[in-house]
């Protein structure tokens, strides 16, 4: 079982930046991919992007160029750098970890608010 703890959300003005992080603990050695998702009020959870154990990244088309996912293996932490934030980026951001068996673990989420 993998435990994930997100942090680093908050309130930012439109055009600003935030860098939430996701720290993994537990059975992290079997993680093959870590992802970021977000869910705005009244909307379904959607993919932001992800990073594999080999370091390959993918992003939702609408977020390419503004969001970047990176990781620090020494800290077992994945980061989501969000630049040029828009009001429509406001959501709860969730971290996920996919194990080699296909099992997915989720963090508790971190709130991102963007003021105009």
C-alpha atoms as a PDB file:
ATOM      1  CA  UNK A   1       0.000   0.000   0.000  1.00  0.00           C
ATOM      2  CA  UNK A   2       1.222   3.442  -0.931  1.00  0.00           C
ATOM      3  CA  UNK A   3       0.409   6.520   1.102  1.00  0.00           C
ATOM      4  CA  UNK A   4       0.343   9.861  -0.688  1.00  0.00           C
ATOM      5  CA  UNK A   5       0.285  13.286   0.925  1.00  0.00           C
ATOM      6  CA  UNK A   6      -0.205  16.396  -1.166  1.00  0.00           C
ATOM      7  CA  UNK A   7       0.731  19.874  -0.060  1.00  0.00           C
ATOM      8  CA  UNK A   8       1.494  23.233  -1.572  1.00  0.00           C
ATOM      9  CA  UNK A   9      -1.923  24.308  -2.750  1.00  0.00           C
ATOM     10  CA  UNK A  10      -3.303  27.698  -1.852  1.00  0.00           C
ATOM     11  CA  UNK A  11      -4.686  30.953  -3.182  1.00  0.00           C
ATOM     12  CA  UNK A  12      -2.947  32.742  -6.022  1.00  0.00           C
ATOM     13  CA  UNK A  13      -3.830  35.576  -8.367  1.00  0.00           C
ATOM     14  CA  UNK A  14      -4.484  34.845 -12.000  1.00  0.00           C
ATOM     15  CA  UNK A  15      -1.198  34.755 -13.861  1.00  0.00           C
ATOM     16  CA  UNK A  16       0.664  33.506 -10.824  1.00  0.00           C
ATOM     17  CA  UNK A  17       2.327  30.183 -10.070  1.00  0.00           C
ATOM     18  CA  UNK A  18       2.061  27.365  -7.560  1.00  0.00           C
ATOM     19  CA  UNK A  19       3.980  24.159  -7.082  1.00  0.00           C
ATOM     20  CA  UNK A  20       2.048  21.500  -5.202  1.00  0.00           C
ATOM     21  CA  UNK A  21       3.969  18.439  -4.144  1.00  0.00           C
ATOM     22  CA  UNK A  22       3.082  14.820  -3.452  1.00  0.00           C
ATOM     23  CA  UNK A  23       5.137  12.743  -1.045  1.00  0.00           C
ATOM     24  CA  UNK A  24       4.913   8.967  -1.299  1.00  0.00           C
ATOM     25  CA  UNK A  25       5.551   6.494   1.475  1.00  0.00           C
ATOM     26  CA  UNK A  26       4.893   2.829   2.071  1.00  0.00           C
ATOM     27  CA  UNK A  27       5.285   0.346  -0.798  1.00  0.00           C
ATOM     28  CA  UNK A  28       6.583   2.981  -3.188  1.00  0.00           C
ATOM     29  CA  UNK A  29       9.104   0.696  -4.874  1.00  0.00           C
ATOM     30  CA  UNK A  30       6.368  -0.878  -7.012  1.00  0.00           C
ATOM     31  CA  UNK A  31       5.106   2.430  -8.370  1.00  0.00           C
ATOM     32  CA  UNK A  32       5.256   2.562 -12.151  1.00  0.00           C
ATOM     33  CA  UNK A  33       3.526   5.893 -12.643  1.00  0.00           C
ATOM     34  CA  UNK A  34       2.456   8.904 -10.599  1.00  0.00           C
ATOM     35  CA  UNK A  35      -0.217  11.232 -11.806  1.00  0.00           C
ATOM     36  CA  UNK A  36      -1.947  14.479 -11.020  1.00  0.00           C
ATOM     37  CA  UNK A  37      -5.673  14.935 -11.440  1.00  0.00           C
ATOM     38  CA  UNK A  38      -7.996  17.755 -10.562  1.00  0.00           C
ATOM     39  CA  UNK A  39     -11.648  18.166  -9.767  1.00  0.00           C
ATOM     40  CA  UNK A  40     -13.514  21.438  -9.827  1.00  0.00           C
ATOM     41  CA  UNK A  41     -16.895  21.846  -8.101  1.00  0.00           C
ATOM     42  CA  UNK A  42     -19.643  20.203 -10.105  1.00  0.00           C
ATOM     43  CA  UNK A  43     -17.222  18.654 -12.559  1.00  0.00           C
ATOM     44  CA  UNK A  44     -15.679  15.253 -13.028  1.00  0.00           C
ATOM     45  CA  UNK A  45     -12.137  14.519 -12.010  1.00  0.00           C
ATOM     46  CA  UNK A  46      -9.818  15.053 -14.955  1.00  0.00           C
ATOM     47  CA  UNK A  47      -6.268  14.177 -15.808  1.00  0.00           C
ATOM     48  CA  UNK A  48      -3.638  16.859 -15.435  1.00  0.00           C
ATOM     49  CA  UNK A  49      -0.675  14.678 -16.322  1.00  0.00           C
ATOM     50  CA  UNK A  50       1.685  12.010 -15.094  1.00  0.00           C
ATOM     51  CA  UNK A  51       5.237  10.791 -14.863  1.00  0.00           C
ATOM     52  CA  UNK A  52       6.434   7.215 -15.196  1.00  0.00           C
ATOM     53  CA  UNK A  53       9.127   5.473 -13.215  1.00  0.00           C
ATOM     54  CA  UNK A  54      11.343   5.989 -16.255  1.00  0.00           C
ATOM     55  CA  UNK A  55      10.774   9.731 -16.175  1.00  0.00           C
ATOM     56  CA  UNK A  56       8.446  10.052 -19.173  1.00  0.00           C
ATOM     57  CA  UNK A  57       5.725  12.642 -18.774  1.00  0.00           C
ATOM     58  CA  UNK A  58       2.375  13.250 -20.372  1.00  0.00           C
ATOM     59  CA  UNK A  59      -0.089  16.099 -19.984  1.00  0.00           C
ATOM     60  CA  UNK A  60      -3.628  17.000 -20.840  1.00  0.00           C
ATOM     61  CA  UNK A  61      -3.480  18.829 -24.153  1.00  0.00           C
ATOM     62  CA  UNK A  62      -5.076  21.946 -22.701  1.00  0.00           C
ATOM     63  CA  UNK A  63      -2.374  22.247 -20.040  1.00  0.00           C
ATOM     64  CA  UNK A  64       0.748  21.658 -22.101  1.00  0.00           C
ATOM     65  CA  UNK A  65       3.166  24.528 -21.834  1.00  0.00           C
ATOM     66  CA  UNK A  66       1.812  25.817 -18.531  1.00  0.00           C
ATOM     67  CA  UNK A  67       2.065  22.771 -16.248  1.00  0.00           C
ATOM     68  CA  UNK A  68       5.160  20.659 -15.644  1.00  0.00           C
ATOM     69  CA  UNK A  69       5.503  17.474 -13.616  1.00  0.00           C
ATOM     70  CA  UNK A  70       8.836  16.520 -12.100  1.00  0.00           C
ATOM     71  CA  UNK A  71      10.074  14.265  -9.360  1.00  0.00           C
ATOM     72  CA  UNK A  72      12.787  14.001  -6.758  1.00  0.00           C
ATOM     73  CA  UNK A  73      13.533  10.320  -6.259  1.00  0.00           C
ATOM     74  CA  UNK A  74      15.661  10.981  -3.186  1.00  0.00           C
ATOM     75  CA  UNK A  75      12.660  12.596  -1.498  1.00  0.00           C
ATOM     76  CA  UNK A  76      10.068  10.252  -3.019  1.00  0.00           C
ATOM     77  CA  UNK A  77       8.218  13.362  -4.063  1.00  0.00           C
ATOM     78  CA  UNK A  78       6.503  14.453  -7.251  1.00  0.00           C
ATOM     79  CA  UNK A  79       5.879  18.098  -8.066  1.00  0.00           C
ATOM     80  CA  UNK A  80       3.375  19.911 -10.223  1.00  0.00           C
ATOM     81  CA  UNK A  81       4.656  23.276 -11.396  1.00  0.00           C
ATOM     82  CA  UNK A  82       1.726  25.395 -12.472  1.00  0.00           C
ATOM     83  CA  UNK A  83       2.412  28.677 -14.260  1.00  0.00           C
ATOM     84  CA  UNK A  84       0.197  31.365 -15.739  1.00  0.00           C
ATOM     85  CA  UNK A  85      -2.685  30.149 -13.639  1.00  0.00           C
ATOM     86  CA  UNK A  86      -6.209  30.941 -14.760  1.00  0.00           C
ATOM     87  CA  UNK A  87      -9.397  31.112 -12.754  1.00  0.00           C
ATOM     88  CA  UNK A  88     -10.539  27.933 -14.467  1.00  0.00           C
ATOM     89  CA  UNK A  89      -7.555  26.081 -12.981  1.00  0.00           C
ATOM     90  CA  UNK A  90      -9.146  26.342  -9.543  1.00  0.00           C
ATOM     91  CA  UNK A  91      -9.856  22.842  -8.237  1.00  0.00           C
ATOM     92  CA  UNK A  92      -8.808  20.224  -5.753  1.00  0.00           C
ATOM     93  CA  UNK A  93      -5.647  18.633  -7.084  1.00  0.00           C
ATOM     94  CA  UNK A  94      -5.089  14.968  -6.377  1.00  0.00           C
ATOM     95  CA  UNK A  95      -1.997  12.846  -6.631  1.00  0.00           C
ATOM     96  CA  UNK A  96      -2.200   9.208  -7.687  1.00  0.00           C
ATOM     97  CA  UNK A  97       0.231   6.309  -7.751  1.00  0.00           C
ATOM     98  CA  UNK A  98      -0.186   3.280 -10.001  1.00  0.00           C
ATOM     99  CA  UNK A  99       1.492   0.091  -8.928  1.00  0.00           C
ATOM    100  CA  UNK A 100       2.819  -2.716 -11.095  1.00  0.00           C
ATOM    101  CA  UNK A 101      -0.380  -4.679 -10.386  1.00  0.00           C
ATOM    102  CA  UNK A 102      -2.506  -1.837 -11.693  1.00  0.00           C
ATOM    103  CA  UNK A 103      -3.716  -0.811  -8.261  1.00  0.00           C
ATOM    104  CA  UNK A 104      -4.128   2.927  -7.836  1.00  0.00           C
ATOM    105  CA  UNK A 105      -3.637   4.885  -4.626  1.00  0.00           C
ATOM    106  CA  UNK A 106      -4.871   8.443  -4.088  1.00  0.00           C
ATOM    107  CA  UNK A 107      -3.900  11.296  -1.878  1.00  0.00           C
ATOM    108  CA  UNK A 108      -6.347  13.451   0.027  1.00  0.00           C
ATOM    109  CA  UNK A 109      -6.039  16.365  -2.366  1.00  0.00           C
ATOM    110  CA  UNK A 110      -4.844  19.928  -2.079  1.00  0.00           C
ATOM    111  CA  UNK A 111      -7.008  22.942  -2.829  1.00  0.00           C
ATOM    112  CA  UNK A 112      -5.948  25.455  -5.459  1.00  0.00           C
ATOM    113  CA  UNK A 113      -7.866  28.716  -5.708  1.00  0.00           C
ATOM    114  CA  UNK A 114      -7.194  31.360  -8.346  1.00  0.00           C
ATOM    115  CA  UNK A 115      -8.479  34.902  -7.950  1.00  0.00           C
ATOM    116  CA  UNK A 116      -9.143  37.217 -10.858  1.00  0.00           C
END
